[in-house]
Amino acid sequence: MKLKLCSIAAVLALAFAGAAQAQQSQPRDPAPGADRQSGQRMSGKVKDAEEDRIEAEYKAAKAKCDSLKDNAKDVCEKEAKGKEKVAKAELDAKKNPSESNQRKVSEAKAEMEYDVAKEKCDDMKGNEKDACEKEAKAKHERAKADISKQYAARKAGDRPGRDRSASSGTSK
């Protein structure tokens, strides 16, 4: 068990060191006319390092769950898996900051909260469990509706601005 934990700690340390080194060697905001191909190569290395870090964090979190029993272990594993999915969505949004990717981050967070809440309900019995599951589902539905409303409003609000900027000749 100690060997396993030491291995995980070593992987985490290497992932963090690689990510820190990659972040230090890459300029934050390249100039608009900068060479895109070399920027993409560097971004690819950074993304690979970040993916390794996310995977290492997931494995470490899952290893912590192994010491737990019954439903507490299940809840812990749902949290670990959910955090991994959120981190991956955030990484995609960081690499390609589009509205679609930002929405995926919000959706991943809502899904994680729902999955964890449902799993926590499994500790309960009878009416209490039913009420817990209904509350978790209602909260999830509200979160999904809020996300849809938020991004629909953004989309509707962006349309006139996009039309004006395209006609003003800023795309040259």
C-alpha atoms as a PDB file:
ATOM      1  CA  MET A   1       0.000   0.000   0.000  1.00  0.00           C
ATOM      2  CA  LYS A   2       2.859   2.381   0.853  1.00  0.00           C
ATOM      3  CA  LEU A   3       4.525   1.597  -2.470  1.00  0.00           C
ATOM      4  CA  LYS A   4       1.287   2.386  -4.290  1.00  0.00           C
ATOM      5  CA  LEU A   5       0.894   5.713  -2.479  1.00  0.00           C
ATOM      6  CA  CYS A   6       4.543   6.595  -3.088  1.00  0.00           C
ATOM      7  CA  SER A   7       4.095   5.812  -6.780  1.00  0.00           C
ATOM      8  CA  ILE A   8       1.019   8.010  -6.983  1.00  0.00           C
ATOM      9  CA  ALA A   9       2.819  10.818  -5.159  1.00  0.00           C
ATOM     10  CA  ALA A  10       5.747  10.546  -7.570  1.00  0.00           C
ATOM     11  CA  VAL A  11       3.432  10.669 -10.582  1.00  0.00           C
ATOM     12  CA  LEU A  12       1.689  13.736  -9.150  1.00  0.00           C
ATOM     13  CA  ALA A  13       4.998  15.458  -8.482  1.00  0.00           C
ATOM     14  CA  LEU A  14       6.206  14.795 -12.020  1.00  0.00           C
ATOM     15  CA  ALA A  15       2.911  15.942 -13.513  1.00  0.00           C
ATOM     16  CA  PHE A  16       2.949  19.178 -11.518  1.00  0.00           C
ATOM     17  CA  ALA A  17       6.600  19.804 -12.337  1.00  0.00           C
ATOM     18  CA  GLY A  18       5.984  19.198 -16.033  1.00  0.00           C
ATOM     19  CA  ALA A  19       2.946  21.447 -16.053  1.00  0.00           C
ATOM     20  CA  ALA A  20       4.783  24.196 -14.181  1.00  0.00           C
ATOM     21  CA  GLN A  21       7.760  24.002 -16.544  1.00  0.00           C
ATOM     22  CA  ALA A  22       5.500  24.073 -19.586  1.00  0.00           C
ATOM     23  CA  GLN A  23       3.578  27.047 -18.240  1.00  0.00           C
ATOM     24  CA  GLN A  24       6.783  28.981 -17.548  1.00  0.00           C
ATOM     25  CA  SER A  25       8.184  28.377 -21.009  1.00  0.00           C
ATOM     26  CA  GLN A  26       5.026  29.338 -22.928  1.00  0.00           C
ATOM     27  CA  PRO A  27       3.931  32.947 -23.392  1.00  0.00           C
ATOM     28  CA  ARG A  28       0.477  33.593 -21.934  1.00  0.00           C
ATOM     29  CA  ASP A  29      -1.118  35.431 -24.863  1.00  0.00           C
ATOM     30  CA  PRO A  30       0.712  35.124 -28.159  1.00  0.00           C
ATOM     31  CA  ALA A  31       0.444  38.107 -30.479  1.00  0.00           C
ATOM     32  CA  PRO A  32      -2.342  37.851 -33.082  1.00  0.00           C
ATOM     33  CA  GLY A  33       0.186  37.485 -35.882  1.00  0.00           C
ATOM     34  CA  ALA A  34       2.391  34.956 -34.061  1.00  0.00           C
ATOM     35  CA  ASP A  35       3.351  31.663 -35.670  1.00  0.00           C
ATOM     36  CA  ARG A  36       0.383  29.437 -34.943  1.00  0.00           C
ATOM     37  CA  GLN A  37       2.052  26.117 -35.656  1.00  0.00           C
ATOM     38  CA  SER A  38       4.754  26.493 -33.005  1.00  0.00           C
ATOM     39  CA  GLY A  39       2.108  27.789 -30.579  1.00  0.00           C
ATOM     40  CA  GLN A  40       0.009  24.710 -31.231  1.00  0.00           C
ATOM     41  CA  ARG A  41       2.948  22.411 -30.559  1.00  0.00           C
ATOM     42  CA  MET A  42       3.591  24.100 -27.231  1.00  0.00           C
ATOM     43  CA  SER A  43      -0.100  24.053 -26.406  1.00  0.00           C
ATOM     44  CA  GLY A  44      -0.149  20.355 -27.220  1.00  0.00           C
ATOM     45  CA  LYS A  45       2.676  19.727 -24.760  1.00  0.00           C
ATOM     46  CA  VAL A  46       0.926  21.777 -22.109  1.00  0.00           C
ATOM     47  CA  LYS A  47      -2.345  19.967 -22.759  1.00  0.00           C
ATOM     48  CA  ASP A  48      -0.611  16.589 -22.508  1.00  0.00           C
ATOM     49  CA  ALA A  49       0.956  17.621 -19.200  1.00  0.00           C
ATOM     50  CA  GLU A  50      -2.397  18.864 -17.928  1.00  0.00           C
ATOM     51  CA  GLU A  51      -4.112  15.629 -19.016  1.00  0.00           C
ATOM     52  CA  ASP A  52      -1.442  13.648 -17.155  1.00  0.00           C
ATOM     53  CA  ARG A  53      -1.989  15.842 -14.072  1.00  0.00           C
ATOM     54  CA  ILE A  54      -5.762  15.310 -14.237  1.00  0.00           C
ATOM     55  CA  GLU A  55      -5.310  11.556 -14.591  1.00  0.00           C
ATOM     56  CA  ALA A  56      -2.866  11.478 -11.665  1.00  0.00           C
ATOM     57  CA  GLU A  57      -5.244  13.501  -9.491  1.00  0.00           C
ATOM     58  CA  TYR A  58      -8.077  11.129 -10.379  1.00  0.00           C
ATOM     59  CA  LYS A  59      -5.991   8.080  -9.506  1.00  0.00           C
ATOM     60  CA  ALA A  60      -4.922   9.652  -6.216  1.00  0.00           C
ATOM     61  CA  ALA A  61      -8.514  10.563  -5.320  1.00  0.00           C
ATOM     62  CA  LYS A  62      -9.699   7.075  -6.246  1.00  0.00           C
ATOM     63  CA  ALA A  63      -6.919   5.547  -4.138  1.00  0.00           C
ATOM     64  CA  LYS A  64      -8.187   7.554  -1.150  1.00  0.00           C
ATOM     65  CA  CYS A  65     -11.606   6.003  -1.739  1.00  0.00           C
ATOM     66  CA  ASP A  66     -10.188   2.490  -1.356  1.00  0.00           C
ATOM     67  CA  SER A  67      -9.922   2.934   2.415  1.00  0.00           C
ATOM     68  CA  LEU A  68     -13.649   3.703   2.661  1.00  0.00           C
ATOM     69  CA  LYS A  69     -16.459   1.161   2.792  1.00  0.00           C
ATOM     70  CA  ASP A  70     -19.995   0.739   1.492  1.00  0.00           C
ATOM     71  CA  ASN A  71     -21.783   3.840   0.191  1.00  0.00           C
ATOM     72  CA  ALA A  72     -19.117   6.263   1.438  1.00  0.00           C
ATOM     73  CA  LYS A  73     -16.744   4.588  -1.019  1.00  0.00           C
ATOM     74  CA  ASP A  74     -19.293   4.906  -3.829  1.00  0.00           C
ATOM     75  CA  VAL A  75     -19.838   8.608  -3.057  1.00  0.00           C
ATOM     76  CA  CYS A  76     -16.076   9.177  -2.986  1.00  0.00           C
ATOM     77  CA  GLU A  77     -15.639   7.448  -6.342  1.00  0.00           C
ATOM     78  CA  LYS A  78     -18.473   9.478  -7.924  1.00  0.00           C
ATOM     79  CA  GLU A  79     -16.832  12.674  -6.674  1.00  0.00           C
ATOM     80  CA  ALA A  80     -13.443  11.613  -8.039  1.00  0.00           C
ATOM     81  CA  LYS A  81     -14.865  10.668 -11.446  1.00  0.00           C
ATOM     82  CA  GLY A  82     -16.953  13.834 -11.580  1.00  0.00           C
ATOM     83  CA  LYS A  83     -13.981  16.029 -10.739  1.00  0.00           C
ATOM     84  CA  GLU A  84     -11.997  14.315 -13.481  1.00  0.00           C
ATOM     85  CA  LYS A  85     -14.739  15.006 -16.046  1.00  0.00           C
ATOM     86  CA  VAL A  86     -15.030  18.637 -14.936  1.00  0.00           C
ATOM     87  CA  ALA A  87     -11.248  19.092 -15.091  1.00  0.00           C
ATOM     88  CA  LYS A  88     -11.145  17.639 -18.604  1.00  0.00           C
ATOM     89  CA  ALA A  89     -13.985  19.913 -19.718  1.00  0.00           C
ATOM     90  CA  GLU A  90     -12.183  22.904 -18.180  1.00  0.00           C
ATOM     91  CA  LEU A  91      -8.985  21.908 -19.980  1.00  0.00           C
ATOM     92  CA  ASP A  92     -10.830  21.762 -23.305  1.00  0.00           C
ATOM     93  CA  ALA A  93     -12.368  25.160 -22.566  1.00  0.00           C
ATOM     94  CA  LYS A  94      -8.941  26.557 -21.702  1.00  0.00           C
ATOM     95  CA  LYS A  95      -7.382  25.215 -24.908  1.00  0.00           C
ATOM     96  CA  ASN A  96     -10.320  26.273 -27.091  1.00  0.00           C
ATOM     97  CA  PRO A  97     -12.302  28.976 -25.251  1.00  0.00           C
ATOM     98  CA  SER A  98     -15.599  28.694 -27.084  1.00  0.00           C
ATOM     99  CA  GLU A  99     -19.116  29.118 -25.785  1.00  0.00           C
ATOM    100  CA  SER A 100     -19.765  25.457 -26.509  1.00  0.00           C
ATOM    101  CA  ASN A 101     -16.832  24.361 -24.354  1.00  0.00           C
ATOM    102  CA  GLN A 102     -17.842  26.719 -21.546  1.00  0.00           C
ATOM    103  CA  ARG A 103     -21.294  25.172 -21.637  1.00  0.00           C
ATOM    104  CA  LYS A 104     -19.764  21.696 -21.430  1.00  0.00           C
ATOM    105  CA  VAL A 105     -17.947  22.761 -18.246  1.00  0.00           C
ATOM    106  CA  SER A 106     -21.220  23.938 -16.701  1.00  0.00           C
ATOM    107  CA  GLU A 107     -22.967  20.738 -17.752  1.00  0.00           C
ATOM    108  CA  ALA A 108     -20.157  18.568 -16.364  1.00  0.00           C
ATOM    109  CA  LYS A 109     -20.404  20.355 -13.005  1.00  0.00           C
ATOM    110  CA  ALA A 110     -24.171  19.885 -12.913  1.00  0.00           C
ATOM    111  CA  GLU A 111     -23.829  16.187 -13.775  1.00  0.00           C
ATOM    112  CA  MET A 112     -21.184  15.684 -11.087  1.00  0.00           C
ATOM    113  CA  GLU A 113     -23.366  17.339  -8.441  1.00  0.00           C
ATOM    114  CA  TYR A 114     -26.342  15.231  -9.486  1.00  0.00           C
ATOM    115  CA  ASP A 115     -24.428  11.940  -9.508  1.00  0.00           C
ATOM    116  CA  VAL A 116     -22.928  12.625  -6.078  1.00  0.00           C
ATOM    117  CA  ALA A 117     -26.281  13.726  -4.635  1.00  0.00           C
ATOM    118  CA  LYS A 118     -27.991  10.580  -5.970  1.00  0.00           C
ATOM    119  CA  GLU A 119     -25.272   8.425  -4.489  1.00  0.00           C
ATOM    120  CA  LYS A 120     -25.619  10.135  -1.102  1.00  0.00           C
ATOM    121  CA  CYS A 121     -29.332   9.328  -1.176  1.00  0.00           C
ATOM    122  CA  ASP A 122     -28.487   5.623  -1.214  1.00  0.00           C
ATOM    123  CA  ASP A 123     -27.627   5.856   2.501  1.00  0.00           C
ATOM    124  CA  MET A 124     -31.245   6.705   3.242  1.00  0.00           C
ATOM    125  CA  LYS A 125     -34.320   4.504   3.384  1.00  0.00           C
ATOM    126  CA  GLY A 126     -37.998   4.791   2.510  1.00  0.00           C
ATOM    127  CA  ASN A 127     -39.627   8.207   2.161  1.00  0.00           C
ATOM    128  CA  GLU A 128     -36.440  10.003   3.146  1.00  0.00           C
ATOM    129  CA  LYS A 129     -34.598   8.367   0.252  1.00  0.00           C
ATOM    130  CA  ASP A 130     -37.423   9.161  -2.190  1.00  0.00           C
ATOM    131  CA  ALA A 131     -37.470  12.802  -1.076  1.00  0.00           C
ATOM    132  CA  CYS A 132     -33.692  13.017  -1.377  1.00  0.00           C
ATOM    133  CA  GLU A 133     -33.743  11.605  -4.907  1.00  0.00           C
ATOM    134  CA  LYS A 134     -36.566  13.941  -5.943  1.00  0.00           C
ATOM    135  CA  GLU A 135     -34.695  16.933  -4.547  1.00  0.00           C
ATOM    136  CA  ALA A 136     -31.495  15.884  -6.340  1.00  0.00           C
ATOM    137  CA  LYS A 137     -33.391  15.472  -9.616  1.00  0.00           C
ATOM    138  CA  ALA A 138     -35.200  18.802  -9.203  1.00  0.00           C
ATOM    139  CA  LYS A 139     -31.925  20.582  -8.467  1.00  0.00           C
ATOM    140  CA  HIS A 140     -30.359  18.948 -11.511  1.00  0.00           C
ATOM    141  CA  GLU A 141     -33.258  19.962 -13.740  1.00  0.00           C
ATOM    142  CA  ARG A 142     -33.017  23.563 -12.449  1.00  0.00           C
ATOM    143  CA  ALA A 143     -29.282  23.584 -13.151  1.00  0.00           C
ATOM    144  CA  LYS A 144     -29.823  22.296 -16.700  1.00  0.00           C
ATOM    145  CA  ALA A 145     -32.563  24.864 -17.297  1.00  0.00           C
ATOM    146  CA  ASP A 146     -30.323  27.649 -15.959  1.00  0.00           C
ATOM    147  CA  ILE A 147     -27.512  26.549 -18.261  1.00  0.00           C
ATOM    148  CA  SER A 148     -29.839  26.463 -21.262  1.00  0.00           C
ATOM    149  CA  LYS A 149     -31.277  29.870 -20.395  1.00  0.00           C
ATOM    150  CA  GLN A 150     -27.840  31.378 -19.795  1.00  0.00           C
ATOM    151  CA  TYR A 151     -26.423  30.210 -23.113  1.00  0.00           C
ATOM    152  CA  ALA A 152     -29.589  30.999 -25.046  1.00  0.00           C
ATOM    153  CA  ALA A 153     -29.433  34.567 -23.694  1.00  0.00           C
ATOM    154  CA  ARG A 154     -25.756  34.827 -24.653  1.00  0.00           C
ATOM    155  CA  LYS A 155     -26.474  33.555 -28.130  1.00  0.00           C
ATOM    156  CA  ALA A 156     -29.371  35.971 -28.633  1.00  0.00           C
ATOM    157  CA  GLY A 157     -27.319  38.845 -27.216  1.00  0.00           C
ATOM    158  CA  ASP A 158     -24.315  38.067 -29.412  1.00  0.00           C
ATOM    159  CA  ARG A 159     -26.134  38.056 -32.740  1.00  0.00           C
ATOM    160  CA  PRO A 160     -26.546  41.816 -33.271  1.00  0.00           C
ATOM    161  CA  GLY A 161     -22.955  42.499 -32.155  1.00  0.00           C
ATOM    162  CA  ARG A 162     -21.595  39.908 -34.530  1.00  0.00           C
ATOM    163  CA  ASP A 163     -23.532  41.323 -37.472  1.00  0.00           C
ATOM    164  CA  ARG A 164     -22.232  44.844 -36.807  1.00  0.00           C
ATOM    165  CA  SER A 165     -18.610  43.806 -36.405  1.00  0.00           C
ATOM    166  CA  ALA A 166     -18.725  41.719 -39.576  1.00  0.00           C
ATOM    167  CA  SER A 167     -20.090  44.657 -41.573  1.00  0.00           C
ATOM    168  CA  SER A 168     -17.611  47.159 -40.100  1.00  0.00           C
ATOM    169  CA  GLY A 169     -14.725  45.471 -41.892  1.00  0.00           C
ATOM    170  CA  THR A 170     -12.925  44.128 -38.807  1.00  0.00           C
ATOM    171  CA  SER A 171     -12.437  40.733 -40.459  1.00  0.00           C
ATOM    172  CA  LYS A 172      -9.678  42.032 -42.811  1.00  0.00           C
END
